[in-house]
Amino acid sequence: MTITRRAATGASIGRAFRSPGLELVLSRLQGLEHPLVLDLGAPRRANVECLAASGCKVWIEDLPHFLVGRAPPRTEPDESGVTTADWDTLVCANLAFERDARFDVILGWDLFAYLDPEAIRPLMREIAASCNVGALLFITVSTEGGLAEEPAHISISPDGHLVHEPTGPATRTNPAHTPLALERMMPGFRLLHSFMLGEGMQDYLFSFQGA
């Protein structure tokens, strides 16, 4: 693990990790013809350039912009006066990728720690319907007790390392989803590998086994 500083501000300290999970993803992409990648994070030039070098077409959804930190619309009260969150409507209305796409890799970064579990289910249902069997889902997780208010800036360095830049001090509780809990939220996806990266970081690699 190495330490880097983002030159744009000179203030944000990033950590660069060797990520075996990311290495497996990049290796898989190099073995495919015209692979299609779904990036759920914010646009990052370094990531697009790295993936383009592997011949990938990349679709960027930018979940932090429309889903992280947002409350879902509410349904009309039922007979008992109870309203419920309608995550399905919010997720489906904002996902922009073409539903006839067939993704080979999904990059989830650290976003799943910031999403309501009830939002993860419809999100991954929609994504699963557009995945090839065997598609890989890459997620990074913090093993620390707290998280910054916003997802980290995560990018791929030219040498294939994972550069993680926190957006601020830890001010919210880390939900610390286990692989089993994530599998329950993501029908059809099964854990392939889990790697400890050091310095409070871990990555998960899931495979889509089919509906």
N, C-alpha and C. Protein backbone atom coordinates (compact mmCIF):
# COMPACT_ATOMS: atom_id res chain seq x y z
N MET A 1 0.85 -1.19 0.00
CA MET A 1 0.00 0.00 0.00
C MET A 1 0.89 1.23 0.00
N THR A 2 0.58 2.22 -0.83
CA THR A 2 1.31 3.46 -0.90
C THR A 2 0.36 4.62 -0.67
N ILE A 3 0.93 5.77 -0.35
CA ILE A 3 0.14 6.98 -0.10
C ILE A 3 0.34 7.95 -1.26
N THR A 4 -0.75 8.51 -1.76
CA THR A 4 -0.66 9.52 -2.81
C THR A 4 -1.42 10.76 -2.37
N ARG A 5 -1.11 11.90 -3.00
CA ARG A 5 -1.84 13.15 -2.73
C ARG A 5 -2.46 13.64 -4.03
N ARG A 6 -3.71 14.05 -3.97
CA ARG A 6 -4.37 14.56 -5.16
C ARG A 6 -3.86 15.96 -5.44
N ALA A 7 -3.26 16.13 -6.63
CA ALA A 7 -2.61 17.39 -6.95
C ALA A 7 -3.59 18.55 -7.08
N ALA A 8 -4.82 18.27 -7.41
CA ALA A 8 -5.79 19.34 -7.67
C ALA A 8 -5.98 20.24 -6.46
N THR A 9 -5.93 19.66 -5.27
CA THR A 9 -6.14 20.48 -4.08
C THR A 9 -4.92 20.49 -3.17
N GLY A 10 -4.13 19.45 -3.22
CA GLY A 10 -2.98 19.35 -2.34
C GLY A 10 -3.36 18.98 -0.93
N ALA A 11 -4.67 18.77 -0.67
CA ALA A 11 -5.10 18.53 0.70
C ALA A 11 -5.63 17.12 0.91
N SER A 12 -6.17 16.53 -0.11
CA SER A 12 -6.81 15.22 0.04
C SER A 12 -5.78 14.11 -0.07
N ILE A 13 -5.70 13.27 0.93
CA ILE A 13 -4.73 12.18 0.94
C ILE A 13 -5.42 10.90 0.50
N GLY A 14 -4.86 10.26 -0.51
CA GLY A 14 -5.40 9.00 -0.99
C GLY A 14 -4.46 7.86 -0.67
N ARG A 15 -5.03 6.66 -0.60
CA ARG A 15 -4.24 5.46 -0.36
C ARG A 15 -4.34 4.57 -1.59
N ALA A 16 -3.21 4.07 -2.05
CA ALA A 16 -3.18 3.20 -3.22
C ALA A 16 -2.93 1.76 -2.75
N PHE A 17 -3.86 0.88 -3.09
CA PHE A 17 -3.80 -0.51 -2.66
C PHE A 17 -3.61 -1.43 -3.86
N ARG A 18 -2.87 -2.50 -3.66
CA ARG A 18 -2.93 -3.60 -4.61
C ARG A 18 -4.20 -4.38 -4.29
N SER A 19 -5.09 -4.48 -5.29
CA SER A 19 -6.38 -5.11 -5.09
C SER A 19 -6.48 -6.38 -5.93
N PRO A 20 -6.37 -7.55 -5.32
CA PRO A 20 -6.51 -8.79 -6.09
C PRO A 20 -7.85 -8.90 -6.80
N GLY A 21 -8.90 -8.37 -6.19
CA GLY A 21 -10.22 -8.41 -6.83
C GLY A 21 -10.23 -7.59 -8.11
N LEU A 22 -9.66 -6.39 -8.06
CA LEU A 22 -9.58 -5.56 -9.25
C LEU A 22 -8.72 -6.21 -10.31
N GLU A 23 -7.63 -6.85 -9.91
CA GLU A 23 -6.77 -7.53 -10.86
C GLU A 23 -7.52 -8.65 -11.59
N LEU A 24 -8.37 -9.36 -10.87
CA LEU A 24 -9.17 -10.41 -11.50
C LEU A 24 -10.17 -9.81 -12.50
N VAL A 25 -10.75 -8.66 -12.14
CA VAL A 25 -11.67 -7.99 -13.05
C VAL A 25 -10.96 -7.58 -14.33
N LEU A 26 -9.81 -6.93 -14.20
CA LEU A 26 -9.08 -6.47 -15.37
C LEU A 26 -8.60 -7.64 -16.22
N SER A 27 -8.21 -8.72 -15.58
CA SER A 27 -7.81 -9.92 -16.32
C SER A 27 -8.97 -10.50 -17.10
N ARG A 28 -10.14 -10.54 -16.50
CA ARG A 28 -11.33 -11.04 -17.19
C ARG A 28 -11.64 -10.17 -18.41
N LEU A 29 -11.56 -8.86 -18.25
CA LEU A 29 -11.88 -7.95 -19.36
C LEU A 29 -10.93 -8.15 -20.54
N GLN A 30 -9.66 -8.40 -20.24
CA GLN A 30 -8.69 -8.57 -21.31
C GLN A 30 -8.94 -9.84 -22.11
N GLY A 31 -9.67 -10.79 -21.51
CA GLY A 31 -9.95 -12.04 -22.19
C GLY A 31 -11.25 -12.04 -22.97
N LEU A 32 -11.98 -10.91 -22.97
CA LEU A 32 -13.27 -10.82 -23.65
C LEU A 32 -13.17 -9.94 -24.89
N GLU A 33 -14.02 -10.19 -25.85
CA GLU A 33 -14.09 -9.37 -27.05
C GLU A 33 -15.19 -8.32 -26.87
N HIS A 34 -14.82 -7.07 -26.92
CA HIS A 34 -15.75 -5.94 -26.77
C HIS A 34 -16.57 -6.06 -25.47
N PRO A 35 -15.92 -6.15 -24.31
CA PRO A 35 -16.67 -6.26 -23.06
C PRO A 35 -17.43 -4.98 -22.74
N LEU A 36 -18.52 -5.15 -22.00
CA LEU A 36 -19.36 -4.03 -21.59
C LEU A 36 -19.31 -3.91 -20.07
N VAL A 37 -18.98 -2.72 -19.58
CA VAL A 37 -18.82 -2.47 -18.15
C VAL A 37 -19.86 -1.47 -17.68
N LEU A 38 -20.49 -1.76 -16.55
CA LEU A 38 -21.40 -0.82 -15.90
C LEU A 38 -20.71 -0.26 -14.67
N ASP A 39 -20.39 1.03 -14.70
CA ASP A 39 -19.75 1.71 -13.59
C ASP A 39 -20.84 2.47 -12.83
N LEU A 40 -21.08 2.08 -11.58
CA LEU A 40 -22.13 2.70 -10.78
C LEU A 40 -21.67 3.99 -10.11
N GLY A 41 -20.37 4.27 -10.16
CA GLY A 41 -19.85 5.44 -9.49
C GLY A 41 -19.90 6.70 -10.32
N ALA A 42 -19.29 7.75 -9.76
CA ALA A 42 -19.18 9.01 -10.48
C ALA A 42 -18.14 8.89 -11.59
N PRO A 43 -18.25 9.71 -12.64
CA PRO A 43 -17.27 9.63 -13.73
C PRO A 43 -15.86 9.94 -13.24
N ARG A 44 -14.91 9.08 -13.59
CA ARG A 44 -13.50 9.29 -13.26
C ARG A 44 -12.68 9.01 -14.52
N ARG A 45 -11.94 10.03 -14.95
CA ARG A 45 -11.18 9.88 -16.20
C ARG A 45 -10.22 8.70 -16.13
N ALA A 46 -9.54 8.53 -14.99
CA ALA A 46 -8.57 7.44 -14.87
C ALA A 46 -9.23 6.09 -15.09
N ASN A 47 -10.45 5.93 -14.58
CA ASN A 47 -11.13 4.65 -14.73
C ASN A 47 -11.55 4.40 -16.18
N VAL A 48 -12.08 5.44 -16.82
CA VAL A 48 -12.49 5.30 -18.22
C VAL A 48 -11.29 4.97 -19.09
N GLU A 49 -10.17 5.65 -18.86
CA GLU A 49 -8.98 5.41 -19.67
C GLU A 49 -8.45 4.00 -19.46
N CYS A 50 -8.44 3.53 -18.21
CA CYS A 50 -7.97 2.17 -17.93
C CYS A 50 -8.86 1.14 -18.62
N LEU A 51 -10.16 1.31 -18.52
CA LEU A 51 -11.09 0.35 -19.11
C LEU A 51 -11.05 0.42 -20.64
N ALA A 52 -10.91 1.62 -21.17
CA ALA A 52 -10.83 1.75 -22.62
C ALA A 52 -9.60 1.04 -23.17
N ALA A 53 -8.51 1.03 -22.38
CA ALA A 53 -7.29 0.35 -22.81
C ALA A 53 -7.51 -1.15 -22.93
N SER A 54 -8.53 -1.67 -22.25
CA SER A 54 -8.87 -3.09 -22.35
C SER A 54 -9.93 -3.35 -23.42
N GLY A 55 -10.25 -2.32 -24.20
CA GLY A 55 -11.23 -2.47 -25.27
C GLY A 55 -12.66 -2.46 -24.80
N CYS A 56 -12.90 -1.89 -23.62
CA CYS A 56 -14.25 -1.91 -23.04
C CYS A 56 -15.10 -0.75 -23.52
N LYS A 57 -16.39 -0.99 -23.56
CA LYS A 57 -17.38 0.06 -23.62
C LYS A 57 -17.90 0.24 -22.20
N VAL A 58 -17.94 1.48 -21.73
CA VAL A 58 -18.28 1.75 -20.33
C VAL A 58 -19.54 2.59 -20.25
N TRP A 59 -20.48 2.12 -19.43
CA TRP A 59 -21.69 2.90 -19.13
C TRP A 59 -21.57 3.37 -17.68
N ILE A 60 -21.65 4.70 -17.48
CA ILE A 60 -21.51 5.27 -16.13
C ILE A 60 -22.86 5.74 -15.64
N GLU A 61 -23.29 5.20 -14.51
CA GLU A 61 -24.60 5.54 -13.96
C GLU A 61 -24.56 6.69 -12.96
N ASP A 62 -23.42 6.91 -12.29
CA ASP A 62 -23.28 8.01 -11.32
C ASP A 62 -24.34 7.94 -10.22
N LEU A 63 -24.41 6.81 -9.53
CA LEU A 63 -25.36 6.66 -8.43
C LEU A 63 -25.21 7.71 -7.33
N PRO A 64 -23.98 8.16 -7.01
CA PRO A 64 -23.90 9.18 -5.96
C PRO A 64 -24.72 10.42 -6.28
N HIS A 65 -24.91 10.70 -7.57
CA HIS A 65 -25.63 11.91 -7.96
C HIS A 65 -27.14 11.80 -7.71
N PHE A 66 -27.73 10.62 -8.00
CA PHE A 66 -29.19 10.57 -7.94
C PHE A 66 -29.75 9.66 -6.86
N LEU A 67 -28.91 8.83 -6.22
CA LEU A 67 -29.48 7.85 -5.29
C LEU A 67 -28.91 7.93 -3.88
N VAL A 68 -27.60 8.13 -3.76
CA VAL A 68 -26.99 8.16 -2.43
C VAL A 68 -27.51 9.36 -1.65
N GLY A 69 -28.00 9.10 -0.46
CA GLY A 69 -28.47 10.17 0.41
C GLY A 69 -29.86 10.67 0.12
N ARG A 70 -30.53 10.11 -0.86
CA ARG A 70 -31.89 10.56 -1.18
C ARG A 70 -32.94 9.68 -0.52
N ALA A 71 -34.01 10.32 -0.12
CA ALA A 71 -35.14 9.57 0.42
C ALA A 71 -36.04 9.15 -0.75
N PRO A 72 -36.66 8.00 -0.67
CA PRO A 72 -37.53 7.55 -1.76
C PRO A 72 -38.88 8.25 -1.72
N PRO A 73 -39.58 8.26 -2.84
CA PRO A 73 -40.95 8.78 -2.81
C PRO A 73 -41.81 7.90 -1.91
N ARG A 74 -42.88 8.46 -1.41
CA ARG A 74 -43.77 7.70 -0.53
C ARG A 74 -45.03 7.32 -1.28
N THR A 75 -45.53 6.15 -0.97
CA THR A 75 -46.80 5.73 -1.55
C THR A 75 -47.95 6.40 -0.80
N GLU A 76 -49.13 6.34 -1.37
CA GLU A 76 -50.31 6.85 -0.68
C GLU A 76 -50.60 6.00 0.55
N PRO A 77 -51.08 6.60 1.62
CA PRO A 77 -51.39 5.82 2.83
C PRO A 77 -52.40 4.71 2.53
N ASP A 78 -52.18 3.57 3.17
CA ASP A 78 -53.15 2.49 3.03
C ASP A 78 -54.30 2.72 4.01
N GLU A 79 -55.17 1.71 4.17
CA GLU A 79 -56.35 1.88 5.01
C GLU A 79 -56.00 2.17 6.45
N SER A 80 -54.83 1.70 6.86
CA SER A 80 -54.43 1.93 8.25
C SER A 80 -53.68 3.25 8.42
N GLY A 81 -53.49 3.99 7.31
CA GLY A 81 -52.81 5.28 7.38
C GLY A 81 -51.30 5.18 7.27
N VAL A 82 -50.79 3.97 6.94
CA VAL A 82 -49.35 3.76 6.85
C VAL A 82 -48.86 4.02 5.43
N THR A 83 -47.75 4.76 5.29
CA THR A 83 -47.12 4.95 3.98
C THR A 83 -45.82 4.16 3.94
N THR A 84 -45.41 3.75 2.78
CA THR A 84 -44.17 2.97 2.65
C THR A 84 -43.27 3.61 1.60
N ALA A 85 -41.99 3.34 1.73
CA ALA A 85 -41.02 3.86 0.79
C ALA A 85 -41.11 3.11 -0.54
N ASP A 86 -41.09 3.85 -1.63
CA ASP A 86 -41.19 3.24 -2.95
C ASP A 86 -39.85 3.35 -3.66
N TRP A 87 -38.91 2.52 -3.25
CA TRP A 87 -37.59 2.54 -3.86
C TRP A 87 -37.64 2.07 -5.30
N ASP A 88 -38.53 1.13 -5.62
CA ASP A 88 -38.61 0.62 -6.98
C ASP A 88 -38.82 1.76 -7.98
N THR A 89 -39.75 2.66 -7.65
CA THR A 89 -40.05 3.76 -8.56
C THR A 89 -38.84 4.67 -8.74
N LEU A 90 -38.16 5.02 -7.65
CA LEU A 90 -37.01 5.92 -7.73
C LEU A 90 -35.87 5.28 -8.52
N VAL A 91 -35.56 4.02 -8.23
CA VAL A 91 -34.45 3.35 -8.90
C VAL A 91 -34.73 3.20 -10.39
N CYS A 92 -35.90 2.67 -10.72
CA CYS A 92 -36.22 2.42 -12.13
C CYS A 92 -36.31 3.70 -12.94
N ALA A 93 -36.76 4.78 -12.30
CA ALA A 93 -36.90 6.04 -13.01
C ALA A 93 -35.56 6.69 -13.31
N ASN A 94 -34.53 6.34 -12.55
CA ASN A 94 -33.25 7.03 -12.69
C ASN A 94 -32.16 6.21 -13.36
N LEU A 95 -32.29 4.90 -13.42
CA LEU A 95 -31.29 4.10 -14.14
C LEU A 95 -31.40 4.39 -15.63
N ALA A 96 -30.29 4.73 -16.24
CA ALA A 96 -30.33 5.22 -17.62
C ALA A 96 -29.86 4.20 -18.64
N PHE A 97 -29.21 3.12 -18.22
CA PHE A 97 -28.67 2.20 -19.21
C PHE A 97 -29.78 1.49 -19.98
N GLU A 98 -29.48 1.13 -21.22
CA GLU A 98 -30.44 0.44 -22.06
C GLU A 98 -30.66 -0.97 -21.52
N ARG A 99 -31.93 -1.34 -21.38
CA ARG A 99 -32.23 -2.60 -20.71
C ARG A 99 -31.86 -3.83 -21.55
N ASP A 100 -31.58 -3.65 -22.83
CA ASP A 100 -31.14 -4.80 -23.62
C ASP A 100 -29.62 -4.95 -23.59
N ALA A 101 -28.93 -4.14 -22.77
CA ALA A 101 -27.48 -4.28 -22.61
C ALA A 101 -27.17 -5.61 -21.93
N ARG A 102 -25.96 -6.10 -22.15
CA ARG A 102 -25.50 -7.32 -21.49
C ARG A 102 -24.11 -7.03 -20.91
N PHE A 103 -24.10 -6.77 -19.60
CA PHE A 103 -22.87 -6.36 -18.94
C PHE A 103 -22.01 -7.57 -18.55
N ASP A 104 -20.69 -7.36 -18.65
CA ASP A 104 -19.72 -8.37 -18.24
C ASP A 104 -19.11 -8.06 -16.87
N VAL A 105 -19.09 -6.78 -16.51
CA VAL A 105 -18.53 -6.35 -15.23
C VAL A 105 -19.37 -5.19 -14.70
N ILE A 106 -19.62 -5.21 -13.38
CA ILE A 106 -20.27 -4.10 -12.70
C ILE A 106 -19.30 -3.60 -11.63
N LEU A 107 -19.01 -2.31 -11.63
CA LEU A 107 -18.14 -1.71 -10.64
C LEU A 107 -18.99 -0.97 -9.61
N GLY A 108 -19.08 -1.54 -8.42
CA GLY A 108 -19.92 -0.96 -7.38
C GLY A 108 -19.16 -0.07 -6.41
N TRP A 109 -17.79 -0.15 -6.45
CA TRP A 109 -16.95 0.64 -5.56
C TRP A 109 -17.43 0.52 -4.12
N ASP A 110 -17.54 1.65 -3.39
CA ASP A 110 -17.99 1.59 -1.99
C ASP A 110 -19.44 2.02 -1.82
N LEU A 111 -20.21 2.07 -2.91
CA LEU A 111 -21.54 2.67 -2.88
C LEU A 111 -22.54 1.88 -2.06
N PHE A 112 -22.36 0.57 -1.95
CA PHE A 112 -23.36 -0.24 -1.26
C PHE A 112 -23.44 0.08 0.22
N ALA A 113 -22.38 0.63 0.78
CA ALA A 113 -22.41 1.05 2.18
C ALA A 113 -23.25 2.30 2.37
N TYR A 114 -23.54 3.02 1.28
CA TYR A 114 -24.27 4.28 1.35
C TYR A 114 -25.72 4.15 0.89
N LEU A 115 -26.11 3.00 0.42
CA LEU A 115 -27.46 2.81 -0.08
C LEU A 115 -28.34 2.13 0.97
N ASP A 116 -29.58 2.54 1.03
CA ASP A 116 -30.56 1.84 1.86
C ASP A 116 -30.68 0.41 1.33
N PRO A 117 -30.67 -0.60 2.21
CA PRO A 117 -30.83 -1.98 1.73
C PRO A 117 -32.06 -2.16 0.86
N GLU A 118 -33.12 -1.39 1.12
CA GLU A 118 -34.33 -1.51 0.31
C GLU A 118 -34.13 -0.91 -1.09
N ALA A 119 -33.09 -0.09 -1.25
CA ALA A 119 -32.77 0.42 -2.58
C ALA A 119 -31.87 -0.55 -3.34
N ILE A 120 -31.04 -1.28 -2.62
CA ILE A 120 -30.12 -2.22 -3.28
C ILE A 120 -30.90 -3.31 -4.00
N ARG A 121 -31.99 -3.78 -3.41
CA ARG A 121 -32.74 -4.89 -4.02
C ARG A 121 -33.28 -4.54 -5.40
N PRO A 122 -34.05 -3.45 -5.58
CA PRO A 122 -34.52 -3.14 -6.93
C PRO A 122 -33.38 -2.74 -7.87
N LEU A 123 -32.35 -2.10 -7.34
CA LEU A 123 -31.20 -1.74 -8.17
C LEU A 123 -30.57 -2.98 -8.78
N MET A 124 -30.30 -3.97 -7.96
CA MET A 124 -29.62 -5.17 -8.45
C MET A 124 -30.55 -6.07 -9.24
N ARG A 125 -31.84 -5.97 -9.00
CA ARG A 125 -32.79 -6.71 -9.84
C ARG A 125 -32.74 -6.19 -11.26
N GLU A 126 -32.73 -4.86 -11.41
CA GLU A 126 -32.68 -4.26 -12.74
C GLU A 126 -31.35 -4.57 -13.42
N ILE A 127 -30.26 -4.50 -12.66
CA ILE A 127 -28.95 -4.77 -13.24
C ILE A 127 -28.83 -6.24 -13.64
N ALA A 128 -29.29 -7.14 -12.78
CA ALA A 128 -29.18 -8.58 -13.07
C ALA A 128 -29.87 -8.94 -14.38
N ALA A 129 -30.97 -8.25 -14.68
CA ALA A 129 -31.70 -8.55 -15.92
C ALA A 129 -30.90 -8.17 -17.16
N SER A 130 -29.82 -7.38 -16.97
CA SER A 130 -28.98 -6.96 -18.10
C SER A 130 -27.55 -7.46 -17.96
N CYS A 131 -27.37 -8.57 -17.24
CA CYS A 131 -26.04 -9.15 -17.06
C CYS A 131 -25.89 -10.46 -17.82
N ASN A 132 -24.71 -10.67 -18.37
CA ASN A 132 -24.37 -11.99 -18.87
C ASN A 132 -24.14 -12.92 -17.68
N VAL A 133 -24.46 -14.17 -17.83
CA VAL A 133 -24.13 -15.14 -16.79
C VAL A 133 -22.61 -15.17 -16.63
N GLY A 134 -22.17 -15.11 -15.39
CA GLY A 134 -20.74 -15.03 -15.11
C GLY A 134 -20.21 -13.62 -14.96
N ALA A 135 -21.07 -12.63 -15.15
CA ALA A 135 -20.65 -11.23 -14.97
C ALA A 135 -20.11 -11.03 -13.56
N LEU A 136 -19.08 -10.19 -13.44
CA LEU A 136 -18.44 -9.94 -12.15
C LEU A 136 -18.93 -8.62 -11.56
N LEU A 137 -19.16 -8.63 -10.27
CA LEU A 137 -19.51 -7.43 -9.51
C LEU A 137 -18.40 -7.16 -8.51
N PHE A 138 -17.76 -5.99 -8.63
CA PHE A 138 -16.64 -5.62 -7.77
C PHE A 138 -17.10 -4.55 -6.78
N ILE A 139 -16.85 -4.81 -5.48
CA ILE A 139 -17.26 -3.89 -4.41
C ILE A 139 -16.08 -3.70 -3.47
N THR A 140 -15.86 -2.47 -3.03
CA THR A 140 -14.90 -2.22 -1.97
C THR A 140 -15.66 -1.89 -0.69
N VAL A 141 -15.12 -2.32 0.44
CA VAL A 141 -15.78 -2.07 1.72
C VAL A 141 -14.74 -1.61 2.73
N SER A 142 -15.19 -0.78 3.64
CA SER A 142 -14.35 -0.37 4.75
C SER A 142 -14.62 -1.28 5.94
N THR A 143 -13.57 -1.65 6.64
CA THR A 143 -13.73 -2.44 7.86
C THR A 143 -13.70 -1.55 9.11
N GLU A 144 -13.65 -0.24 8.89
CA GLU A 144 -13.68 0.70 10.02
C GLU A 144 -15.11 0.88 10.50
N GLY A 145 -15.26 1.43 11.68
CA GLY A 145 -16.59 1.61 12.24
C GLY A 145 -17.37 2.78 11.66
N GLY A 146 -16.65 3.75 11.07
CA GLY A 146 -17.31 4.94 10.55
C GLY A 146 -16.98 5.20 9.10
N LEU A 147 -17.83 6.00 8.46
CA LEU A 147 -17.65 6.39 7.06
C LEU A 147 -17.80 7.90 6.94
N ALA A 148 -17.21 8.45 5.88
CA ALA A 148 -17.46 9.85 5.55
C ALA A 148 -18.90 10.01 5.08
N GLU A 149 -19.40 11.23 5.05
CA GLU A 149 -20.78 11.46 4.65
C GLU A 149 -21.04 11.09 3.19
N GLU A 150 -20.04 11.19 2.34
CA GLU A 150 -20.20 10.88 0.93
C GLU A 150 -19.24 9.77 0.52
N PRO A 151 -19.58 9.01 -0.53
CA PRO A 151 -18.68 7.94 -0.99
C PRO A 151 -17.30 8.48 -1.33
N ALA A 152 -16.32 7.62 -1.19
CA ALA A 152 -14.94 8.00 -1.48
C ALA A 152 -14.75 8.21 -2.98
N HIS A 153 -13.69 8.92 -3.34
CA HIS A 153 -13.26 9.01 -4.73
C HIS A 153 -12.33 7.81 -4.98
N ILE A 154 -12.75 6.90 -5.82
CA ILE A 154 -11.98 5.68 -6.07
C ILE A 154 -11.63 5.62 -7.54
N SER A 155 -10.36 5.39 -7.81
CA SER A 155 -9.92 5.33 -9.20
C SER A 155 -8.86 4.25 -9.36
N ILE A 156 -8.62 3.91 -10.61
CA ILE A 156 -7.62 2.90 -10.95
C ILE A 156 -6.36 3.62 -11.42
N SER A 157 -5.25 3.33 -10.78
CA SER A 157 -3.99 3.98 -11.15
C SER A 157 -3.42 3.34 -12.42
N PRO A 158 -2.47 4.01 -13.09
CA PRO A 158 -1.88 3.44 -14.31
C PRO A 158 -1.26 2.07 -14.11
N ASP A 159 -0.79 1.78 -12.89
CA ASP A 159 -0.20 0.46 -12.64
C ASP A 159 -1.22 -0.55 -12.13
N GLY A 160 -2.52 -0.21 -12.20
CA GLY A 160 -3.56 -1.16 -11.85
C GLY A 160 -3.90 -1.22 -10.38
N HIS A 161 -3.38 -0.29 -9.58
CA HIS A 161 -3.72 -0.25 -8.17
C HIS A 161 -5.04 0.51 -7.97
N LEU A 162 -5.61 0.32 -6.80
CA LEU A 162 -6.86 0.98 -6.43
C LEU A 162 -6.53 2.19 -5.56
N VAL A 163 -6.87 3.38 -6.02
CA VAL A 163 -6.58 4.60 -5.27
C VAL A 163 -7.87 5.05 -4.58
N HIS A 164 -7.81 5.13 -3.26
CA HIS A 164 -8.99 5.43 -2.44
C HIS A 164 -8.76 6.75 -1.72
N GLU A 165 -9.60 7.75 -2.03
CA GLU A 165 -9.51 9.07 -1.41
C GLU A 165 -10.78 9.36 -0.63
N PRO A 166 -10.75 9.34 0.69
CA PRO A 166 -11.95 9.67 1.47
C PRO A 166 -12.36 11.11 1.24
N THR A 167 -13.65 11.36 1.34
CA THR A 167 -14.19 12.70 1.08
C THR A 167 -14.28 13.55 2.33
N GLY A 168 -13.92 12.99 3.47
CA GLY A 168 -13.99 13.76 4.71
C GLY A 168 -13.81 12.83 5.90
N PRO A 169 -13.95 13.37 7.10
CA PRO A 169 -13.82 12.54 8.30
C PRO A 169 -15.02 11.61 8.45
N ALA A 170 -14.81 10.55 9.22
CA ALA A 170 -15.89 9.59 9.47
C ALA A 170 -16.93 10.20 10.38
N THR A 171 -18.16 10.36 9.85
CA THR A 171 -19.23 10.98 10.62
C THR A 171 -20.50 10.13 10.62
N ARG A 172 -20.50 9.01 9.91
CA ARG A 172 -21.69 8.16 9.88
C ARG A 172 -21.28 6.71 10.13
N THR A 173 -22.23 5.93 10.61
CA THR A 173 -21.96 4.54 10.96
C THR A 173 -21.81 3.68 9.71
N ASN A 174 -20.82 2.83 9.73
CA ASN A 174 -20.61 1.88 8.64
C ASN A 174 -21.59 0.71 8.82
N PRO A 175 -22.45 0.43 7.83
CA PRO A 175 -23.39 -0.69 7.99
C PRO A 175 -22.70 -2.04 7.97
N ALA A 176 -21.46 -2.09 7.46
CA ALA A 176 -20.65 -3.31 7.48
C ALA A 176 -21.43 -4.53 6.96
N HIS A 177 -21.99 -4.41 5.76
CA HIS A 177 -22.72 -5.53 5.17
C HIS A 177 -21.80 -6.74 5.00
N THR A 178 -22.25 -7.89 5.45
CA THR A 178 -21.50 -9.13 5.23
C THR A 178 -21.79 -9.63 3.81
N PRO A 179 -20.92 -10.50 3.28
CA PRO A 179 -21.21 -11.07 1.96
C PRO A 179 -22.56 -11.78 1.91
N LEU A 180 -22.93 -12.47 2.98
CA LEU A 180 -24.22 -13.16 3.00
C LEU A 180 -25.37 -12.17 2.94
N ALA A 181 -25.24 -11.07 3.69
CA ALA A 181 -26.29 -10.04 3.66
C ALA A 181 -26.40 -9.43 2.27
N LEU A 182 -25.28 -9.19 1.62
CA LEU A 182 -25.30 -8.64 0.27
C LEU A 182 -25.93 -9.63 -0.71
N GLU A 183 -25.61 -10.90 -0.59
CA GLU A 183 -26.20 -11.90 -1.48
C GLU A 183 -27.72 -11.91 -1.35
N ARG A 184 -28.23 -11.72 -0.14
CA ARG A 184 -29.68 -11.69 0.06
C ARG A 184 -30.31 -10.48 -0.62
N MET A 185 -29.56 -9.40 -0.74
CA MET A 185 -30.07 -8.20 -1.41
C MET A 185 -29.89 -8.29 -2.92
N MET A 186 -29.09 -9.24 -3.40
CA MET A 186 -28.72 -9.30 -4.81
C MET A 186 -28.98 -10.71 -5.36
N PRO A 187 -30.21 -11.11 -5.53
CA PRO A 187 -30.50 -12.46 -6.01
C PRO A 187 -29.76 -12.76 -7.31
N GLY A 188 -29.17 -13.94 -7.37
CA GLY A 188 -28.43 -14.37 -8.54
C GLY A 188 -26.94 -14.13 -8.44
N PHE A 189 -26.50 -13.28 -7.50
CA PHE A 189 -25.08 -13.01 -7.33
C PHE A 189 -24.52 -13.83 -6.15
N ARG A 190 -23.36 -14.43 -6.37
CA ARG A 190 -22.72 -15.24 -5.35
C ARG A 190 -21.28 -14.79 -5.17
N LEU A 191 -20.81 -14.80 -3.92
CA LEU A 191 -19.45 -14.37 -3.62
C LEU A 191 -18.44 -15.34 -4.22
N LEU A 192 -17.48 -14.77 -4.96
CA LEU A 192 -16.36 -15.56 -5.48
C LEU A 192 -15.14 -15.44 -4.59
N HIS A 193 -14.78 -14.19 -4.24
CA HIS A 193 -13.56 -13.95 -3.48
C HIS A 193 -13.75 -12.76 -2.55
N SER A 194 -13.00 -12.78 -1.46
CA SER A 194 -12.92 -11.65 -0.55
C SER A 194 -11.46 -11.46 -0.19
N PHE A 195 -10.96 -10.23 -0.31
CA PHE A 195 -9.55 -9.96 -0.06
C PHE A 195 -9.40 -8.81 0.93
N MET A 196 -8.55 -9.01 1.94
CA MET A 196 -8.19 -7.93 2.84
C MET A 196 -7.05 -7.14 2.21
N LEU A 197 -7.24 -5.82 2.08
CA LEU A 197 -6.26 -4.98 1.42
C LEU A 197 -5.34 -4.28 2.41
N GLY A 198 -5.68 -4.31 3.69
CA GLY A 198 -4.92 -3.60 4.71
C GLY A 198 -5.46 -2.20 4.91
N GLU A 199 -5.04 -1.57 6.01
CA GLU A 199 -5.43 -0.20 6.31
C GLU A 199 -6.95 -0.02 6.31
N GLY A 200 -7.68 -1.02 6.82
CA GLY A 200 -9.12 -0.89 6.97
C GLY A 200 -9.90 -1.05 5.70
N MET A 201 -9.32 -1.67 4.66
CA MET A 201 -10.01 -1.85 3.39
C MET A 201 -10.09 -3.33 3.01
N GLN A 202 -11.19 -3.66 2.33
CA GLN A 202 -11.43 -5.02 1.87
C GLN A 202 -12.19 -4.94 0.55
N ASP A 203 -12.01 -5.94 -0.31
CA ASP A 203 -12.85 -5.95 -1.50
C ASP A 203 -13.55 -7.30 -1.66
N TYR A 204 -14.71 -7.25 -2.30
CA TYR A 204 -15.52 -8.44 -2.59
C TYR A 204 -15.68 -8.56 -4.09
N LEU A 205 -15.66 -9.78 -4.56
CA LEU A 205 -15.92 -10.04 -5.98
C LEU A 205 -17.03 -11.09 -6.06
N PHE A 206 -18.15 -10.68 -6.65
CA PHE A 206 -19.32 -11.54 -6.81
C PHE A 206 -19.44 -11.94 -8.29
N SER A 207 -20.12 -13.06 -8.52
CA SER A 207 -20.39 -13.52 -9.88
C SER A 207 -21.88 -13.70 -10.05
N PHE A 208 -22.41 -13.28 -11.20
CA PHE A 208 -23.82 -13.46 -11.48
C PHE A 208 -24.05 -14.87 -12.02
N GLN A 209 -24.84 -15.65 -11.30
CA GLN A 209 -25.08 -17.05 -11.65
C GLN A 209 -26.34 -17.26 -12.48
N GLY A 210 -27.07 -16.20 -12.70
CA GLY A 210 -28.33 -16.31 -13.44
C GLY A 210 -29.52 -16.15 -12.52
N ALA A 211 -30.66 -15.85 -13.11
CA ALA A 211 -31.87 -15.62 -12.32
C ALA A 211 -32.30 -16.92 -11.63
